[in-house]
Amino acid sequence: MNLAELAEKLSLKVLTYSEGLERNISGCYVSDMLSDVMANSRKDEIWITIQTHSNILAVASLKNLSGIIIVNKREVDEETLKKAASEHVTIFSSDLTAFEAAGRIYKLIR
């Protein structure tokens, strides 16, 4: 499944780098601790978090994640969105909880 299909099926709002929507996802990782994501996430997973600061971009790039879903109706500041676009990191927003988003993704890709 690619990011465009995921966005459609979960009603995700694309916040940055829509050019990356053809990228495939292999699974998802849920965590709000950056060190945990760095230690345990895998390439091509989509990251589900409530974190919205610019440090999430460094983690996503370092781990070569397919994108980031910001859940719980959290808003991302404009500076982080600009930086994400320049670093080619796709960020989505969602009204879903992390639990709901992860469960739906699990059903879609397993």
PDB file of N, CA and C in Angstrom:
ATOM      1  N   MET A   1       0.842  -1.169   0.000  1.00  0.00           N
ATOM      2  CA  MET A   1       0.000   0.000   0.000  1.00  0.00           C
ATOM      3  C   MET A   1       0.890   1.236   0.000  1.00  0.00           C
ATOM      4  N   ASN A   2       0.481   2.258  -0.759  1.00  0.00           N
ATOM      5  CA  ASN A   2       1.268   3.481  -0.747  1.00  0.00           C
ATOM      6  C   ASN A   2       0.580   4.551   0.108  1.00  0.00           C
ATOM      7  N   LEU A   3       1.262   5.666   0.291  1.00  0.00           N
ATOM      8  CA  LEU A   3       0.747   6.717   1.156  1.00  0.00           C
ATOM      9  C   LEU A   3      -0.548   7.329   0.634  1.00  0.00           C
ATOM     10  N   ALA A   4      -0.687   7.444  -0.677  1.00  0.00           N
ATOM     11  CA  ALA A   4      -1.911   8.012  -1.249  1.00  0.00           C
ATOM     12  C   ALA A   4      -3.116   7.135  -0.902  1.00  0.00           C
ATOM     13  N   GLU A   5      -2.970   5.826  -1.046  1.00  0.00           N
ATOM     14  CA  GLU A   5      -4.049   4.903  -0.706  1.00  0.00           C
ATOM     15  C   GLU A   5      -4.371   4.966   0.782  1.00  0.00           C
ATOM     16  N   LEU A   6      -3.328   5.031   1.600  1.00  0.00           N
ATOM     17  CA  LEU A   6      -3.518   5.117   3.046  1.00  0.00           C
ATOM     18  C   LEU A   6      -4.266   6.390   3.412  1.00  0.00           C
ATOM     19  N   ALA A   7      -3.867   7.501   2.824  1.00  0.00           N
ATOM     20  CA  ALA A   7      -4.518   8.782   3.109  1.00  0.00           C
ATOM     21  C   ALA A   7      -5.991   8.740   2.753  1.00  0.00           C
ATOM     22  N   GLU A   8      -6.313   8.115   1.642  1.00  0.00           N
ATOM     23  CA  GLU A   8      -7.705   8.017   1.218  1.00  0.00           C
ATOM     24  C   GLU A   8      -8.508   7.138   2.174  1.00  0.00           C
ATOM     25  N   LYS A   9      -7.969   5.988   2.528  1.00  0.00           N
ATOM     26  CA  LYS A   9      -8.706   5.026   3.351  1.00  0.00           C
ATOM     27  C   LYS A   9      -8.883   5.494   4.801  1.00  0.00           C
ATOM     28  N   LEU A  10      -7.929   6.310   5.307  1.00  0.00           N
ATOM     29  CA  LEU A  10      -8.016   6.793   6.679  1.00  0.00           C
ATOM     30  C   LEU A  10      -8.481   8.247   6.763  1.00  0.00           C
ATOM     31  N   SER A  11      -8.799   8.840   5.625  1.00  0.00           N
ATOM     32  CA  SER A  11      -9.212  10.256   5.567  1.00  0.00           C
ATOM     33  C   SER A  11      -8.168  11.164   6.207  1.00  0.00           C
ATOM     34  N   LEU A  12      -6.917  10.927   5.841  1.00  0.00           N
ATOM     35  CA  LEU A  12      -5.821  11.733   6.364  1.00  0.00           C
ATOM     36  C   LEU A  12      -5.694  13.018   5.549  1.00  0.00           C
ATOM     37  N   LYS A  13      -5.325  14.074   6.210  1.00  0.00           N
ATOM     38  CA  LYS A  13      -5.070  15.348   5.531  1.00  0.00           C
ATOM     39  C   LYS A  13      -3.568  15.451   5.264  1.00  0.00           C
ATOM     40  N   VAL A  14      -3.204  15.647   4.010  1.00  0.00           N
ATOM     41  CA  VAL A  14      -1.798  15.784   3.645  1.00  0.00           C
ATOM     42  C   VAL A  14      -1.358  17.200   3.991  1.00  0.00           C
ATOM     43  N   LEU A  15      -0.360  17.323   4.869  1.00  0.00           N
ATOM     44  CA  LEU A  15       0.133  18.637   5.276  1.00  0.00           C
ATOM     45  C   LEU A  15       1.375  19.058   4.499  1.00  0.00           C
ATOM     46  N   THR A  16       2.223  18.088   4.151  1.00  0.00           N
ATOM     47  CA  THR A  16       3.465  18.409   3.455  1.00  0.00           C
ATOM     48  C   THR A  16       3.850  17.320   2.474  1.00  0.00           C
ATOM     49  N   TYR A  17       4.615  17.711   1.513  1.00  0.00           N
ATOM     50  CA  TYR A  17       5.286  16.859   0.535  1.00  0.00           C
ATOM     51  C   TYR A  17       4.351  15.826  -0.098  1.00  0.00           C
ATOM     52  N   SER A  18       3.347  16.344  -0.777  1.00  0.00           N
ATOM     53  CA  SER A  18       2.408  15.452  -1.473  1.00  0.00           C
ATOM     54  C   SER A  18       3.082  14.712  -2.627  1.00  0.00           C
ATOM     55  N   GLU A  19       4.256  15.176  -3.041  1.00  0.00           N
ATOM     56  CA  GLU A  19       5.006  14.481  -4.086  1.00  0.00           C
ATOM     57  C   GLU A  19       5.448  13.088  -3.649  1.00  0.00           C
ATOM     58  N   GLY A  20       5.478  12.840  -2.352  1.00  0.00           N
ATOM     59  CA  GLY A  20       5.924  11.560  -1.823  1.00  0.00           C
ATOM     60  C   GLY A  20       4.817  10.541  -1.613  1.00  0.00           C
ATOM     61  N   LEU A  21       3.615  10.829  -2.092  1.00  0.00           N
ATOM     62  CA  LEU A  21       2.481   9.956  -1.810  1.00  0.00           C
ATOM     63  C   LEU A  21       2.538   8.604  -2.499  1.00  0.00           C
ATOM     64  N   GLU A  22       3.420   8.442  -3.454  1.00  0.00           N
ATOM     65  CA  GLU A  22       3.549   7.140  -4.122  1.00  0.00           C
ATOM     66  C   GLU A  22       4.437   6.177  -3.336  1.00  0.00           C
ATOM     67  N   ARG A  23       5.045   6.675  -2.281  1.00  0.00           N
ATOM     68  CA  ARG A  23       5.929   5.826  -1.476  1.00  0.00           C
ATOM     69  C   ARG A  23       5.121   4.751  -0.761  1.00  0.00           C
ATOM     70  N   ASN A  24       5.640   3.547  -0.765  1.00  0.00           N
ATOM     71  CA  ASN A  24       4.976   2.415  -0.115  1.00  0.00           C
ATOM     72  C   ASN A  24       5.267   2.394   1.372  1.00  0.00           C
ATOM     73  N   ILE A  25       4.346   1.779   2.116  1.00  0.00           N
ATOM     74  CA  ILE A  25       4.565   1.593   3.547  1.00  0.00           C
ATOM     75  C   ILE A  25       4.639   0.104   3.849  1.00  0.00           C
ATOM     76  N   SER A  26       5.483  -0.236   4.811  1.00  0.00           N
ATOM     77  CA  SER A  26       5.658  -1.640   5.195  1.00  0.00           C
ATOM     78  C   SER A  26       4.944  -1.969   6.498  1.00  0.00           C
ATOM     79  N   GLY A  27       4.526  -0.945   7.220  1.00  0.00           N
ATOM     80  CA  GLY A  27       3.888  -1.118   8.517  1.00  0.00           C
ATOM     81  C   GLY A  27       3.814   0.223   9.197  1.00  0.00           C
ATOM     82  N   CYS A  28       3.565   0.207  10.493  1.00  0.00           N
ATOM     83  CA  CYS A  28       3.561   1.479  11.217  1.00  0.00           C
ATOM     84  C   CYS A  28       4.260   1.304  12.558  1.00  0.00           C
ATOM     85  N   TYR A  29       4.692   2.427  13.090  1.00  0.00           N
ATOM     86  CA  TYR A  29       5.299   2.439  14.410  1.00  0.00           C
ATOM     87  C   TYR A  29       4.626   3.548  15.198  1.00  0.00           C
ATOM     88  N   VAL A  30       4.226   3.251  16.427  1.00  0.00           N
ATOM     89  CA  VAL A  30       3.516   4.210  17.264  1.00  0.00           C
ATOM     90  C   VAL A  30       4.359   4.532  18.483  1.00  0.00           C
ATOM     91  N   SER A  31       4.741   5.791  18.610  1.00  0.00           N
ATOM     92  CA  SER A  31       5.476   6.227  19.789  1.00  0.00           C
ATOM     93  C   SER A  31       5.576   7.745  19.784  1.00  0.00           C
ATOM     94  N   ASP A  32       5.632   8.306  20.980  1.00  0.00           N
ATOM     95  CA  ASP A  32       5.840   9.737  21.126  1.00  0.00           C
ATOM     96  C   ASP A  32       7.232  10.052  21.656  1.00  0.00           C
ATOM     97  N   MET A  33       8.020   9.008  21.891  1.00  0.00           N
ATOM     98  CA  MET A  33       9.392   9.203  22.358  1.00  0.00           C
ATOM     99  C   MET A  33      10.343   9.064  21.174  1.00  0.00           C
ATOM    100  N   LEU A  34      11.036  10.137  20.866  1.00  0.00           N
ATOM    101  CA  LEU A  34      11.921  10.123  19.703  1.00  0.00           C
ATOM    102  C   LEU A  34      12.994   9.061  19.809  1.00  0.00           C
ATOM    103  N   SER A  35      13.551   8.879  20.988  1.00  0.00           N
ATOM    104  CA  SER A  35      14.605   7.875  21.151  1.00  0.00           C
ATOM    105  C   SER A  35      14.073   6.466  20.899  1.00  0.00           C
ATOM    106  N   ASP A  36      12.831   6.216  21.266  1.00  0.00           N
ATOM    107  CA  ASP A  36      12.209   4.926  21.013  1.00  0.00           C
ATOM    108  C   ASP A  36      12.029   4.700  19.514  1.00  0.00           C
ATOM    109  N   VAL A  37      11.581   5.710  18.808  1.00  0.00           N
ATOM    110  CA  VAL A  37      11.400   5.598  17.356  1.00  0.00           C
ATOM    111  C   VAL A  37      12.744   5.357  16.682  1.00  0.00           C
ATOM    112  N   MET A  38      13.776   6.072  17.131  1.00  0.00           N
ATOM    113  CA  MET A  38      15.113   5.876  16.549  1.00  0.00           C
ATOM    114  C   MET A  38      15.626   4.461  16.793  1.00  0.00           C
ATOM    115  N   ALA A  39      15.320   3.915  17.943  1.00  0.00           N
ATOM    116  CA  ALA A  39      15.831   2.587  18.289  1.00  0.00           C
ATOM    117  C   ALA A  39      15.035   1.449  17.659  1.00  0.00           C
ATOM    118  N   ASN A  40      13.744   1.640  17.434  1.00  0.00           N
ATOM    119  CA  ASN A  40      12.910   0.490  17.105  1.00  0.00           C
ATOM    120  C   ASN A  40      12.111   0.549  15.806  1.00  0.00           C
ATOM    121  N   SER A  41      11.954   1.705  15.211  1.00  0.00           N
ATOM    122  CA  SER A  41      11.191   1.767  13.961  1.00  0.00           C
ATOM    123  C   SER A  41      12.043   1.219  12.818  1.00  0.00           C
ATOM    124  N   ARG A  42      11.350   0.875  11.727  1.00  0.00           N
ATOM    125  CA  ARG A  42      12.040   0.287  10.573  1.00  0.00           C
ATOM    126  C   ARG A  42      11.784   1.108   9.319  1.00  0.00           C
ATOM    127  N   LYS A  43      12.695   0.996   8.400  1.00  0.00           N
ATOM    128  CA  LYS A  43      12.589   1.681   7.111  1.00  0.00           C
ATOM    129  C   LYS A  43      11.211   1.419   6.493  1.00  0.00           C
ATOM    130  N   ASP A  44      10.642   2.447   5.921  1.00  0.00           N
ATOM    131  CA  ASP A  44       9.367   2.419   5.195  1.00  0.00           C
ATOM    132  C   ASP A  44       8.130   2.277   6.072  1.00  0.00           C
ATOM    133  N   GLU A  45       8.288   2.276   7.387  1.00  0.00           N
ATOM    134  CA  GLU A  45       7.111   2.309   8.241  1.00  0.00           C
ATOM    135  C   GLU A  45       6.584   3.739   8.283  1.00  0.00           C
ATOM    136  N   ILE A  46       5.303   3.870   8.575  1.00  0.00           N
ATOM    137  CA  ILE A  46       4.742   5.193   8.826  1.00  0.00           C
ATOM    138  C   ILE A  46       4.681   5.370  10.336  1.00  0.00           C
ATOM    139  N   TRP A  47       5.051   6.546  10.792  1.00  0.00           N
ATOM    140  CA  TRP A  47       5.159   6.825  12.214  1.00  0.00           C
ATOM    141  C   TRP A  47       3.902   7.549  12.684  1.00  0.00           C
ATOM    142  N   ILE A  48       3.289   7.046  13.733  1.00  0.00           N
ATOM    143  CA  ILE A  48       2.111   7.656  14.334  1.00  0.00           C
ATOM    144  C   ILE A  48       2.540   8.293  15.652  1.00  0.00           C
ATOM    145  N   THR A  49       2.235   9.595  15.803  1.00  0.00           N
ATOM    146  CA  THR A  49       2.668  10.321  16.987  1.00  0.00           C
ATOM    147  C   THR A  49       1.777  11.530  17.245  1.00  0.00           C
ATOM    148  N   ILE A  50       1.917  12.101  18.450  1.00  0.00           N
ATOM    149  CA  ILE A  50       1.292  13.387  18.750  1.00  0.00           C
ATOM    150  C   ILE A  50       2.327  14.505  18.730  1.00  0.00           C
ATOM    151  N   GLN A  51       3.591  14.152  18.585  1.00  0.00           N
ATOM    152  CA  GLN A  51       4.656  15.155  18.562  1.00  0.00           C
ATOM    153  C   GLN A  51       4.552  16.008  17.303  1.00  0.00           C
ATOM    154  N   THR A  52       4.766  17.303  17.436  1.00  0.00           N
ATOM    155  CA  THR A  52       4.633  18.200  16.285  1.00  0.00           C
ATOM    156  C   THR A  52       5.843  19.096  16.068  1.00  0.00           C
ATOM    157  N   HIS A  53       6.846  18.993  16.885  1.00  0.00           N
ATOM    158  CA  HIS A  53       8.020  19.873  16.763  1.00  0.00           C
ATOM    159  C   HIS A  53       8.941  19.382  15.648  1.00  0.00           C
ATOM    160  N   SER A  54       9.878  20.212  15.268  1.00  0.00           N
ATOM    161  CA  SER A  54      10.716  19.914  14.098  1.00  0.00           C
ATOM    162  C   SER A  54      11.670  18.739  14.291  1.00  0.00           C
ATOM    163  N   ASN A  55      11.904  18.304  15.515  1.00  0.00           N
ATOM    164  CA  ASN A  55      12.797  17.161  15.732  1.00  0.00           C
ATOM    165  C   ASN A  55      12.250  15.866  15.136  1.00  0.00           C
ATOM    166  N   ILE A  56      10.940  15.786  14.925  1.00  0.00           N
ATOM    167  CA  ILE A  56      10.363  14.592  14.314  1.00  0.00           C
ATOM    168  C   ILE A  56      10.889  14.388  12.896  1.00  0.00           C
ATOM    169  N   LEU A  57      11.254  15.472  12.251  1.00  0.00           N
ATOM    170  CA  LEU A  57      11.755  15.386  10.872  1.00  0.00           C
ATOM    171  C   LEU A  57      13.109  14.704  10.819  1.00  0.00           C
ATOM    172  N   ALA A  58      13.954  15.019  11.773  1.00  0.00           N
ATOM    173  CA  ALA A  58      15.279  14.396  11.820  1.00  0.00           C
ATOM    174  C   ALA A  58      15.151  12.892  12.043  1.00  0.00           C
ATOM    175  N   VAL A  59      14.244  12.499  12.917  1.00  0.00           N
ATOM    176  CA  VAL A  59      14.047  11.077  13.200  1.00  0.00           C
ATOM    177  C   VAL A  59      13.497  10.362  11.967  1.00  0.00           C
ATOM    178  N   ALA A  60      12.487  10.952  11.342  1.00  0.00           N
ATOM    179  CA  ALA A  60      11.894  10.338  10.150  1.00  0.00           C
ATOM    180  C   ALA A  60      12.925  10.184   9.037  1.00  0.00           C
ATOM    181  N   SER A  61      13.765  11.172   8.865  1.00  0.00           N
ATOM    182  CA  SER A  61      14.806  11.102   7.828  1.00  0.00           C
ATOM    183  C   SER A  61      15.870  10.072   8.181  1.00  0.00           C
ATOM    184  N   LEU A  62      16.315  10.095   9.434  1.00  0.00           N
ATOM    185  CA  LEU A  62      17.345   9.160   9.892  1.00  0.00           C
ATOM    186  C   LEU A  62      16.918   7.713   9.702  1.00  0.00           C
ATOM    187  N   LYS A  63      15.662   7.405  10.017  1.00  0.00           N
ATOM    188  CA  LYS A  63      15.154   6.043   9.941  1.00  0.00           C
ATOM    189  C   LYS A  63      14.540   5.698   8.582  1.00  0.00           C
ATOM    190  N   ASN A  64      14.521   6.674   7.673  1.00  0.00           N
ATOM    191  CA  ASN A  64      13.960   6.490   6.328  1.00  0.00           C
ATOM    192  C   ASN A  64      12.511   5.999   6.406  1.00  0.00           C
ATOM    193  N   LEU A  65      11.735   6.672   7.255  1.00  0.00           N
ATOM    194  CA  LEU A  65      10.331   6.338   7.413  1.00  0.00           C
ATOM    195  C   LEU A  65       9.542   6.873   6.221  1.00  0.00           C
ATOM    196  N   SER A  66       8.431   6.221   5.907  1.00  0.00           N
ATOM    197  CA  SER A  66       7.646   6.642   4.744  1.00  0.00           C
ATOM    198  C   SER A  66       6.900   7.941   4.995  1.00  0.00           C
ATOM    199  N   GLY A  67       6.590   8.245   6.235  1.00  0.00           N
ATOM    200  CA  GLY A  67       5.885   9.475   6.566  1.00  0.00           C
ATOM    201  C   GLY A  67       5.515   9.496   8.035  1.00  0.00           C
ATOM    202  N   ILE A  68       4.808  10.574   8.403  1.00  0.00           N
ATOM    203  CA  ILE A  68       4.402  10.774   9.793  1.00  0.00           C
ATOM    204  C   ILE A  68       2.916  11.108   9.818  1.00  0.00           C
ATOM    205  N   ILE A  69       2.189  10.460  10.720  1.00  0.00           N
ATOM    206  CA  ILE A  69       0.786  10.813  10.954  1.00  0.00           C
ATOM    207  C   ILE A  69       0.694  11.461  12.333  1.00  0.00           C
ATOM    208  N   ILE A  70       0.250  12.709  12.353  1.00  0.00           N
ATOM    209  CA  ILE A  70       0.028  13.418  13.600  1.00  0.00           C
ATOM    210  C   ILE A  70      -1.438  13.198  13.976  1.00  0.00           C
ATOM    211  N   VAL A  71      -1.673  12.539  15.094  1.00  0.00           N
ATOM    212  CA  VAL A  71      -3.035  12.154  15.492  1.00  0.00           C
ATOM    213  C   VAL A  71      -3.602  13.095  16.560  1.00  0.00           C
ATOM    214  N   ASN A  72      -4.832  12.813  16.955  1.00  0.00           N
ATOM    215  CA  ASN A  72      -5.538  13.535  18.029  1.00  0.00           C
ATOM    216  C   ASN A  72      -5.782  15.005  17.707  1.00  0.00           C
ATOM    217  N   LYS A  73      -5.958  15.315  16.436  1.00  0.00           N
ATOM    218  CA  LYS A  73      -6.281  16.685  16.011  1.00  0.00           C
ATOM    219  C   LYS A  73      -5.197  17.701  16.349  1.00  0.00           C
ATOM    220  N   ARG A  74      -3.979  17.246  16.543  1.00  0.00           N
ATOM    221  CA  ARG A  74      -2.877  18.167  16.859  1.00  0.00           C
ATOM    222  C   ARG A  74      -2.527  18.984  15.624  1.00  0.00           C
ATOM    223  N   GLU A  75      -2.108  20.203  15.837  1.00  0.00           N
ATOM    224  CA  GLU A  75      -1.708  21.079  14.743  1.00  0.00           C
ATOM    225  C   GLU A  75      -0.197  21.210  14.709  1.00  0.00           C
ATOM    226  N   VAL A  76       0.339  21.291  13.495  1.00  0.00           N
ATOM    227  CA  VAL A  76       1.785  21.413  13.293  1.00  0.00           C
ATOM    228  C   VAL A  76       2.080  22.850  12.893  1.00  0.00           C
ATOM    229  N   ASP A  77       3.093  23.449  13.532  1.00  0.00           N
ATOM    230  CA  ASP A  77       3.395  24.844  13.229  1.00  0.00           C
ATOM    231  C   ASP A  77       3.962  24.998  11.811  1.00  0.00           C
ATOM    232  N   GLU A  78       3.811  26.167  11.277  1.00  0.00           N
ATOM    233  CA  GLU A  78       4.178  26.453   9.888  1.00  0.00           C
ATOM    234  C   GLU A  78       5.671  26.229   9.630  1.00  0.00           C
ATOM    235  N   GLU A  79       6.513  26.546  10.576  1.00  0.00           N
ATOM    236  CA  GLU A  79       7.959  26.369  10.399  1.00  0.00           C
ATOM    237  C   GLU A  79       8.317  24.884  10.227  1.00  0.00           C
ATOM    238  N   THR A  80       7.710  24.036  11.018  1.00  0.00           N
ATOM    239  CA  THR A  80       7.950  22.591  10.898  1.00  0.00           C
ATOM    240  C   THR A  80       7.458  22.080   9.551  1.00  0.00           C
ATOM    241  N   LEU A  81       6.308  22.564   9.103  1.00  0.00           N
ATOM    242  CA  LEU A  81       5.771  22.133   7.810  1.00  0.00           C
ATOM    243  C   LEU A  81       6.680  22.562   6.651  1.00  0.00           C
ATOM    244  N   LYS A  82       7.200  23.777   6.726  1.00  0.00           N
ATOM    245  CA  LYS A  82       8.123  24.250   5.678  1.00  0.00           C
ATOM    246  C   LYS A  82       9.389  23.402   5.650  1.00  0.00           C
ATOM    247  N   LYS A  83       9.910  23.113   6.828  1.00  0.00           N
ATOM    248  CA  LYS A  83      11.114  22.290   6.915  1.00  0.00           C
ATOM    249  C   LYS A  83      10.848  20.875   6.403  1.00  0.00           C
ATOM    250  N   ALA A  84       9.692  20.320   6.722  1.00  0.00           N
ATOM    251  CA  ALA A  84       9.327  18.977   6.253  1.00  0.00           C
ATOM    252  C   ALA A  84       9.279  18.940   4.737  1.00  0.00           C
ATOM    253  N   ALA A  85       8.687  19.948   4.135  1.00  0.00           N
ATOM    254  CA  ALA A  85       8.600  20.000   2.674  1.00  0.00           C
ATOM    255  C   ALA A  85       9.989  20.069   2.054  1.00  0.00           C
ATOM    256  N   SER A  86      10.863  20.862   2.637  1.00  0.00           N
ATOM    257  CA  SER A  86      12.219  20.988   2.083  1.00  0.00           C
ATOM    258  C   SER A  86      13.047  19.723   2.277  1.00  0.00           C
ATOM    259  N   GLU A  87      12.702  18.927   3.293  1.00  0.00           N
ATOM    260  CA  GLU A  87      13.422  17.682   3.564  1.00  0.00           C
ATOM    261  C   GLU A  87      12.700  16.456   2.988  1.00  0.00           C
ATOM    262  N   HIS A  88      11.633  16.698   2.241  1.00  0.00           N
ATOM    263  CA  HIS A  88      10.865  15.633   1.584  1.00  0.00           C
ATOM    264  C   HIS A  88      10.285  14.623   2.566  1.00  0.00           C
ATOM    265  N   VAL A  89       9.706  15.133   3.642  1.00  0.00           N
ATOM    266  CA  VAL A  89       9.036  14.289   4.629  1.00  0.00           C
ATOM    267  C   VAL A  89       7.535  14.545   4.517  1.00  0.00           C
ATOM    268  N   THR A  90       6.784  13.503   4.245  1.00  0.00           N
ATOM    269  CA  THR A  90       5.338  13.630   4.148  1.00  0.00           C
ATOM    270  C   THR A  90       4.728  13.553   5.540  1.00  0.00           C
ATOM    271  N   ILE A  91       3.943  14.579   5.861  1.00  0.00           N
ATOM    272  CA  ILE A  91       3.254  14.625   7.151  1.00  0.00           C
ATOM    273  C   ILE A  91       1.759  14.691   6.885  1.00  0.00           C
ATOM    274  N   PHE A  92       1.028  13.882   7.649  1.00  0.00           N
ATOM    275  CA  PHE A  92      -0.429  13.869   7.601  1.00  0.00           C
ATOM    276  C   PHE A  92      -0.972  14.301   8.954  1.00  0.00           C
ATOM    277  N   SER A  93      -2.195  14.811   8.952  1.00  0.00           N
ATOM    278  CA  SER A  93      -2.893  15.027  10.223  1.00  0.00           C
ATOM    279  C   SER A  93      -4.145  14.167  10.225  1.00  0.00           C
ATOM    280  N   SER A  94      -4.582  13.810  11.435  1.00  0.00           N
ATOM    281  CA  SER A  94      -5.739  12.945  11.578  1.00  0.00           C
ATOM    282  C   SER A  94      -6.495  13.278  12.854  1.00  0.00           C
ATOM    283  N   ASP A  95      -7.805  13.124  12.781  1.00  0.00           N
ATOM    284  CA  ASP A  95      -8.637  13.255  13.969  1.00  0.00           C
ATOM    285  C   ASP A  95      -8.654  11.969  14.786  1.00  0.00           C
ATOM    286  N   LEU A  96      -8.124  10.883  14.209  1.00  0.00           N
ATOM    287  CA  LEU A  96      -8.104   9.593  14.893  1.00  0.00           C
ATOM    288  C   LEU A  96      -7.148   9.621  16.080  1.00  0.00           C
ATOM    289  N   THR A  97      -7.368   8.713  17.027  1.00  0.00           N
ATOM    290  CA  THR A  97      -6.385   8.490  18.087  1.00  0.00           C
ATOM    291  C   THR A  97      -5.270   7.614  17.513  1.00  0.00           C
ATOM    292  N   ALA A  98      -4.164   7.519  18.205  1.00  0.00           N
ATOM    293  CA  ALA A  98      -3.077   6.646  17.773  1.00  0.00           C
ATOM    294  C   ALA A  98      -3.547   5.198  17.705  1.00  0.00           C
ATOM    295  N   PHE A  99      -4.337   4.785  18.675  1.00  0.00           N
ATOM    296  CA  PHE A  99      -4.868   3.423  18.724  1.00  0.00           C
ATOM    297  C   PHE A  99      -5.722   3.134  17.488  1.00  0.00           C
ATOM    298  N   GLU A 100      -6.633   4.054  17.163  1.00  0.00           N
ATOM    299  CA  GLU A 100      -7.513   3.859  16.009  1.00  0.00           C
ATOM    300  C   GLU A 100      -6.715   3.828  14.701  1.00  0.00           C
ATOM    301  N   ALA A 101      -5.780   4.749  14.554  1.00  0.00           N
ATOM    302  CA  ALA A 101      -4.980   4.808  13.327  1.00  0.00           C
ATOM    303  C   ALA A 101      -4.164   3.534  13.152  1.00  0.00           C
ATOM    304  N   ALA A 102      -3.490   3.099  14.205  1.00  0.00           N
ATOM    305  CA  ALA A 102      -2.676   1.886  14.123  1.00  0.00           C
ATOM    306  C   ALA A 102      -3.534   0.663  13.813  1.00  0.00           C
ATOM    307  N   GLY A 103      -4.690   0.562  14.442  1.00  0.00           N
ATOM    308  CA  GLY A 103      -5.579  -0.575  14.196  1.00  0.00           C
ATOM    309  C   GLY A 103      -6.060  -0.629  12.761  1.00  0.00           C
ATOM    310  N   ARG A 104      -6.417   0.521  12.223  1.00  0.00           N
ATOM    311  CA  ARG A 104      -6.875   0.563  10.834  1.00  0.00           C
ATOM    312  C   ARG A 104      -5.748   0.238   9.861  1.00  0.00           C
ATOM    313  N   ILE A 105      -4.558   0.735  10.145  1.00  0.00           N
ATOM    314  CA  ILE A 105      -3.419   0.431   9.273  1.00  0.00           C
ATOM    315  C   ILE A 105      -3.109  -1.058   9.329  1.00  0.00           C
ATOM    316  N   TYR A 106      -3.151  -1.625  10.513  1.00  0.00           N
ATOM    317  CA  TYR A 106      -2.905  -3.054  10.663  1.00  0.00           C
ATOM    318  C   TYR A 106      -3.864  -3.867   9.789  1.00  0.00           C
ATOM    319  N   LYS A 107      -5.134  -3.533   9.831  1.00  0.00           N
ATOM    320  CA  LYS A 107      -6.133  -4.244   9.035  1.00  0.00           C
ATOM    321  C   LYS A 107      -5.879  -4.086   7.539  1.00  0.00           C
ATOM    322  N   LEU A 108      -5.391  -2.921   7.149  1.00  0.00           N
ATOM    323  CA  LEU A 108      -5.190  -2.657   5.711  1.00  0.00           C
ATOM    324  C   LEU A 108      -3.987  -3.381   5.122  1.00  0.00           C
ATOM    325  N   ILE A 109      -2.937  -3.549   5.901  1.00  0.00           N
ATOM    326  CA  ILE A 109      -1.707  -4.082   5.302  1.00  0.00           C
ATOM    327  C   ILE A 109      -1.380  -5.518   5.719  1.00  0.00           C
ATOM    328  N   ARG A 110      -2.140  -6.101   6.591  1.00  0.00           N
ATOM    329  CA  ARG A 110      -1.853  -7.486   6.996  1.00  0.00           C
ATOM    330  C   ARG A 110      -2.728  -8.449   6.260  1.00  0.00           C
TER     331      ARG A 110
END
